[in-house]
C-alpha atoms as a PDB file:
ATOM      1  CA  UNK A   1       1.855 -19.365 -16.578  1.00  0.00           C
ATOM      2  CA  UNK A   2       4.201 -18.691 -13.253  1.00  0.00           C
ATOM      3  CA  UNK A   3       3.335 -15.015 -13.757  1.00  0.00           C
ATOM      4  CA  UNK A   4      -0.251 -15.809 -12.576  1.00  0.00           C
ATOM      5  CA  UNK A   5       0.840 -17.818  -9.272  1.00  0.00           C
ATOM      6  CA  UNK A   6       3.524 -15.294  -8.636  1.00  0.00           C
ATOM      7  CA  UNK A   7       0.771 -12.112  -9.139  1.00  0.00           C
ATOM      8  CA  UNK A   8      -1.424 -13.359  -6.995  1.00  0.00           C
ATOM      9  CA  UNK A   9       0.981 -14.602  -4.490  1.00  0.00           C
ATOM     10  CA  UNK A  10       2.801 -10.898  -4.339  1.00  0.00           C
ATOM     11  CA  UNK A  11      -0.883  -9.229  -4.004  1.00  0.00           C
ATOM     12  CA  UNK A  12      -1.496 -11.416  -1.027  1.00  0.00           C
ATOM     13  CA  UNK A  13       1.763 -10.909   0.715  1.00  0.00           C
ATOM     14  CA  UNK A  14       1.451  -7.031   0.300  1.00  0.00           C
ATOM     15  CA  UNK A  15      -2.390  -7.081   1.575  1.00  0.00           C
ATOM     16  CA  UNK A  16      -1.260  -9.634   4.393  1.00  0.00           C
ATOM     17  CA  UNK A  17       1.426  -7.076   5.422  1.00  0.00           C
ATOM     18  CA  UNK A  18      -0.898  -4.138   5.471  1.00  0.00           C
ATOM     19  CA  UNK A  19      -3.836  -6.292   7.051  1.00  0.00           C
ATOM     20  CA  UNK A  20      -6.555  -4.063   8.789  1.00  0.00           C
ATOM     21  CA  UNK A  21      -5.608  -1.031   7.453  1.00  0.00           C
ATOM     22  CA  UNK A  22      -6.256   1.018   4.400  1.00  0.00           C
ATOM     23  CA  UNK A  23      -3.236   0.337   2.197  1.00  0.00           C
ATOM     24  CA  UNK A  24      -4.210  -2.991   2.539  1.00  0.00           C
ATOM     25  CA  UNK A  25      -7.544  -2.468   1.016  1.00  0.00           C
ATOM     26  CA  UNK A  26      -5.687  -0.393  -1.549  1.00  0.00           C
ATOM     27  CA  UNK A  27      -3.493  -3.294  -2.256  1.00  0.00           C
ATOM     28  CA  UNK A  28      -6.799  -5.218  -2.922  1.00  0.00           C
ATOM     29  CA  UNK A  29      -8.498  -3.118  -4.906  1.00  0.00           C
ATOM     30  CA  UNK A  30      -5.628  -2.070  -7.046  1.00  0.00           C
ATOM     31  CA  UNK A  31      -5.067  -5.722  -7.521  1.00  0.00           C
ATOM     32  CA  UNK A  32      -8.151  -6.501  -8.618  1.00  0.00           C
ATOM     33  CA  UNK A  33      -8.438  -3.597 -10.811  1.00  0.00           C
ATOM     34  CA  UNK A  34      -4.970  -4.522 -12.897  1.00  0.00           C
ATOM     35  CA  UNK A  35      -6.779  -8.043 -13.550  1.00  0.00           C
ATOM     36  CA  UNK A  36      -9.963  -6.307 -14.600  1.00  0.00           C
ATOM     37  CA  UNK A  37      -7.636  -4.316 -16.957  1.00  0.00           C
ATOM     38  CA  UNK A  38      -6.110  -7.037 -18.340  1.00  0.00           C
ATOM     39  CA  UNK A  39      -9.148  -8.588 -19.132  1.00  0.00           C
ATOM     40  CA  UNK A  40     -10.777  -5.420 -20.646  1.00  0.00           C
ATOM     41  CA  UNK A  41      -7.370  -5.066 -22.662  1.00  0.00           C
ATOM     42  CA  UNK A  42      -7.851  -8.764 -23.882  1.00  0.00           C
ATOM     43  CA  UNK A  43     -11.444  -8.033 -25.130  1.00  0.00           C
ATOM     44  CA  UNK A  44     -10.400  -4.544 -26.912  1.00  0.00           C
ATOM     45  CA  UNK A  45      -7.391  -6.616 -28.308  1.00  0.00           C
ATOM     46  CA  UNK A  46     -10.030  -8.858 -30.378  1.00  0.00           C
ATOM     47  CA  UNK A  47     -11.788  -5.944 -31.464  1.00  0.00           C
ATOM     48  CA  UNK A  48      -9.016  -4.105 -32.636  1.00  0.00           C
ATOM     49  CA  UNK A  49      -7.227  -7.087 -34.344  1.00  0.00           C
ATOM     50  CA  UNK A  50     -10.850  -7.901 -35.854  1.00  0.00           C
ATOM     51  CA  UNK A  51     -10.480 -11.544 -34.109  1.00  0.00           C
ATOM     52  CA  UNK A  52      -6.841 -12.048 -35.241  1.00  0.00           C
ATOM     53  CA  UNK A  53      -5.971 -12.875 -31.809  1.00  0.00           C
ATOM     54  CA  UNK A  54      -8.929 -14.079 -30.006  1.00  0.00           C
ATOM     55  CA  UNK A  55      -8.055 -16.344 -26.890  1.00  0.00           C
ATOM     56  CA  UNK A  56     -11.528 -17.494 -25.326  1.00  0.00           C
ATOM     57  CA  UNK A  57      -9.397 -19.539 -22.773  1.00  0.00           C
ATOM     58  CA  UNK A  58      -7.832 -16.722 -21.192  1.00  0.00           C
ATOM     59  CA  UNK A  59     -10.978 -15.009 -20.568  1.00  0.00           C
ATOM     60  CA  UNK A  60     -12.618 -18.070 -19.225  1.00  0.00           C
ATOM     61  CA  UNK A  61      -9.291 -18.365 -16.854  1.00  0.00           C
ATOM     62  CA  UNK A  62      -9.440 -14.565 -16.040  1.00  0.00           C
ATOM     63  CA  UNK A  63     -12.655 -14.507 -14.728  1.00  0.00           C
ATOM     64  CA  UNK A  64     -12.025 -17.362 -11.949  1.00  0.00           C
ATOM     65  CA  UNK A  65      -8.887 -16.111 -11.243  1.00  0.00           C
ATOM     66  CA  UNK A  66      -9.626 -12.392 -10.653  1.00  0.00           C
ATOM     67  CA  UNK A  67     -12.433 -13.911  -8.210  1.00  0.00           C
ATOM     68  CA  UNK A  68      -9.626 -15.713  -6.511  1.00  0.00           C
ATOM     69  CA  UNK A  69      -7.301 -12.941  -6.122  1.00  0.00           C
ATOM     70  CA  UNK A  70     -10.193 -11.095  -4.897  1.00  0.00           C
ATOM     71  CA  UNK A  71     -11.693 -13.427  -2.496  1.00  0.00           C
ATOM     72  CA  UNK A  72      -8.401 -14.700  -0.634  1.00  0.00           C
ATOM     73  CA  UNK A  73      -7.075 -10.943  -0.511  1.00  0.00           C
ATOM     74  CA  UNK A  74     -10.631 -10.101   1.239  1.00  0.00           C
ATOM     75  CA  UNK A  75     -10.151 -12.815   3.595  1.00  0.00           C
ATOM     76  CA  UNK A  76      -6.543 -11.538   4.313  1.00  0.00           C
ATOM     77  CA  UNK A  77      -7.462  -7.640   4.727  1.00  0.00           C
ATOM     78  CA  UNK A  78     -10.074  -8.609   7.536  1.00  0.00           C
ATOM     79  CA  UNK A  79      -7.453 -10.786   9.253  1.00  0.00           C
ATOM     80  CA  UNK A  80      -6.515  -9.192  12.849  1.00  0.00           C
ATOM     81  CA  UNK A  81      -3.340  -7.364  12.580  1.00  0.00           C
ATOM     82  CA  UNK A  82      -0.304  -7.588  14.479  1.00  0.00           C
ATOM     83  CA  UNK A  83      -0.418  -6.799  18.125  1.00  0.00           C
ATOM     84  CA  UNK A  84       2.792  -5.269  19.484  1.00  0.00           C
ATOM     85  CA  UNK A  85       4.758  -3.217  16.829  1.00  0.00           C
ATOM     86  CA  UNK A  86       7.993  -3.862  18.771  1.00  0.00           C
ATOM     87  CA  UNK A  87       8.357  -7.612  18.620  1.00  0.00           C
ATOM     88  CA  UNK A  88       5.428  -8.639  16.386  1.00  0.00           C
ATOM     89  CA  UNK A  89       3.320 -10.558  19.961  1.00  0.00           C
ATOM     90  CA  UNK A  90      -0.089 -11.096  18.815  1.00  0.00           C
ATOM     91  CA  UNK A  91      -1.869  -8.977  21.710  1.00  0.00           C
ATOM     92  CA  UNK A  92      -5.279  -7.280  20.969  1.00  0.00           C
ATOM     93  CA  UNK A  93      -4.739  -3.919  19.757  1.00  0.00           C
ATOM     94  CA  UNK A  94      -7.107  -2.643  22.249  1.00  0.00           C
ATOM     95  CA  UNK A  95      -4.730  -3.912  25.128  1.00  0.00           C
ATOM     96  CA  UNK A  96      -2.851  -0.451  26.575  1.00  0.00           C
ATOM     97  CA  UNK A  97      -0.759  -2.521  29.209  1.00  0.00           C
ATOM     98  CA  UNK A  98       2.549  -3.786  28.668  1.00  0.00           C
ATOM     99  CA  UNK A  99       3.336  -6.294  25.888  1.00  0.00           C
ATOM    100  CA  UNK A 100       3.975  -9.578  27.579  1.00  0.00           C
ATOM    101  CA  UNK A 101       6.472 -10.939  25.399  1.00  0.00           C
ATOM    102  CA  UNK A 102       9.128  -7.764  25.058  1.00  0.00           C
ATOM    103  CA  UNK A 103       7.930  -5.281  27.821  1.00  0.00           C
ATOM    104  CA  UNK A 104       7.327  -2.514  25.471  1.00  0.00           C
ATOM    105  CA  UNK A 105       4.322  -0.077  26.959  1.00  0.00           C
ATOM    106  CA  UNK A 106       1.791   1.215  24.849  1.00  0.00           C
ATOM    107  CA  UNK A 107       3.370   4.626  24.748  1.00  0.00           C
ATOM    108  CA  UNK A 108       6.782   2.975  23.328  1.00  0.00           C
ATOM    109  CA  UNK A 109       4.747   1.009  20.608  1.00  0.00           C
ATOM    110  CA  UNK A 110       2.723   4.399  19.330  1.00  0.00           C
ATOM    111  CA  UNK A 111       6.226   6.357  18.161  1.00  0.00           C
ATOM    112  CA  UNK A 112       8.648   5.450  16.119  1.00  0.00           C
ATOM    113  CA  UNK A 113      11.159   6.570  18.817  1.00  0.00           C
ATOM    114  CA  UNK A 114       9.679   4.498  21.813  1.00  0.00           C
ATOM    115  CA  UNK A 115       9.674   1.359  19.258  1.00  0.00           C
ATOM    116  CA  UNK A 116      13.680   2.211  18.822  1.00  0.00           C
ATOM    117  CA  UNK A 117      14.279   2.778  22.668  1.00  0.00           C
ATOM    118  CA  UNK A 118      12.007  -0.753  23.430  1.00  0.00           C
ATOM    119  CA  UNK A 119      14.200  -2.581  20.674  1.00  0.00           C
ATOM    120  CA  UNK A 120      17.042  -1.322  22.406  1.00  0.00           C
ATOM    121  CA  UNK A 121      16.083  -2.113  25.776  1.00  0.00           C
ATOM    122  CA  UNK A 122      15.136  -5.626  24.706  1.00  0.00           C
ATOM    123  CA  UNK A 123      18.843  -6.259  23.008  1.00  0.00           C
ATOM    124  CA  UNK A 124      20.427  -4.816  25.932  1.00  0.00           C
ATOM    125  CA  UNK A 125      18.532  -7.217  28.289  1.00  0.00           C
ATOM    126  CA  UNK A 126      18.868 -10.547  26.174  1.00  0.00           C
ATOM    127  CA  UNK A 127      22.560  -9.758  26.206  1.00  0.00           C
ATOM    128  CA  UNK A 128      22.633  -9.342  29.953  1.00  0.00           C
ATOM    129  CA  UNK A 129      20.487 -12.320  30.437  1.00  0.00           C
ATOM    130  CA  UNK A 130      19.799 -14.386  27.663  1.00  0.00           C
ATOM    131  CA  UNK A 131      17.287 -16.865  27.409  1.00  0.00           C
ATOM    132  CA  UNK A 132      17.925 -20.514  26.598  1.00  0.00           C
ATOM    133  CA  UNK A 133      16.407 -22.312  23.791  1.00  0.00           C
ATOM    134  CA  UNK A 134      13.495 -24.362  24.128  1.00  0.00           C
ATOM    135  CA  UNK A 135      14.491 -27.531  25.604  1.00  0.00           C
ATOM    136  CA  UNK A 136      17.923 -26.772  26.607  1.00  0.00           C
ATOM    137  CA  UNK A 137      18.826 -26.578  29.810  1.00  0.00           C
ATOM    138  CA  UNK A 138      22.195 -24.262  31.027  1.00  0.00           C
ATOM    139  CA  UNK A 139      23.814 -25.117  33.964  1.00  0.00           C
ATOM    140  CA  UNK A 140      26.932 -23.726  35.570  1.00  0.00           C
ATOM    141  CA  UNK A 141      29.683 -25.875  34.704  1.00  0.00           C
ATOM    142  CA  UNK A 142      31.259 -28.242  37.185  1.00  0.00           C
ATOM    143  CA  UNK A 143      34.616 -27.615  38.575  1.00  0.00           C
ATOM    144  CA  UNK A 144      36.701 -30.688  38.358  1.00  0.00           C
ATOM    145  CA  UNK A 145      39.323 -31.165  40.843  1.00  0.00           C
ATOM    146  CA  UNK A 146      42.323 -33.527  40.196  1.00  0.00           C
ATOM    147  CA  UNK A 147      41.247 -36.715  41.870  1.00  0.00           C
ATOM    148  CA  UNK A 148      44.277 -37.399  44.854  1.00  0.00           C
ATOM    149  CA  UNK A 149      46.419 -40.155  44.183  1.00  0.00           C
ATOM    150  CA  UNK A 150      46.542 -42.782  46.320  1.00  0.00           C
ATOM    151  CA  UNK A 151      49.594 -44.607  47.091  1.00  0.00           C
ATOM    152  CA  UNK A 152      49.725 -48.198  47.624  1.00  0.00           C
END
């Protein structure tokens, strides 16, 4: 029973990762065709075995399940794609400027070598000047001077 849930989540994950691309549509069509193939195989199985293997419950559950996988997958494939290919910041794909999150230019984001260089530059900058975690204030340690002893 969990196989159906894992199948749907796996297909949806693959579609989500490749959203707004031809590969995402291919995952959607392939995942749906696989379920249609299971339905066809079940239909033929009852013919081949002269109804010795006949599970009408499978047909009743398989058709809405296929529609669910297709519907949710269709929603995921139409979601906006990731913006910056270096850091994943959601910027419009038409934006040709610099990513506000990592500073990668459009030229760097367009090639594998450019993305690698931008990631290296970002890593070097974060080592040089680390950003504090949200809500934590970094302050220079105060130098504690030993108090002068007062003699009475």
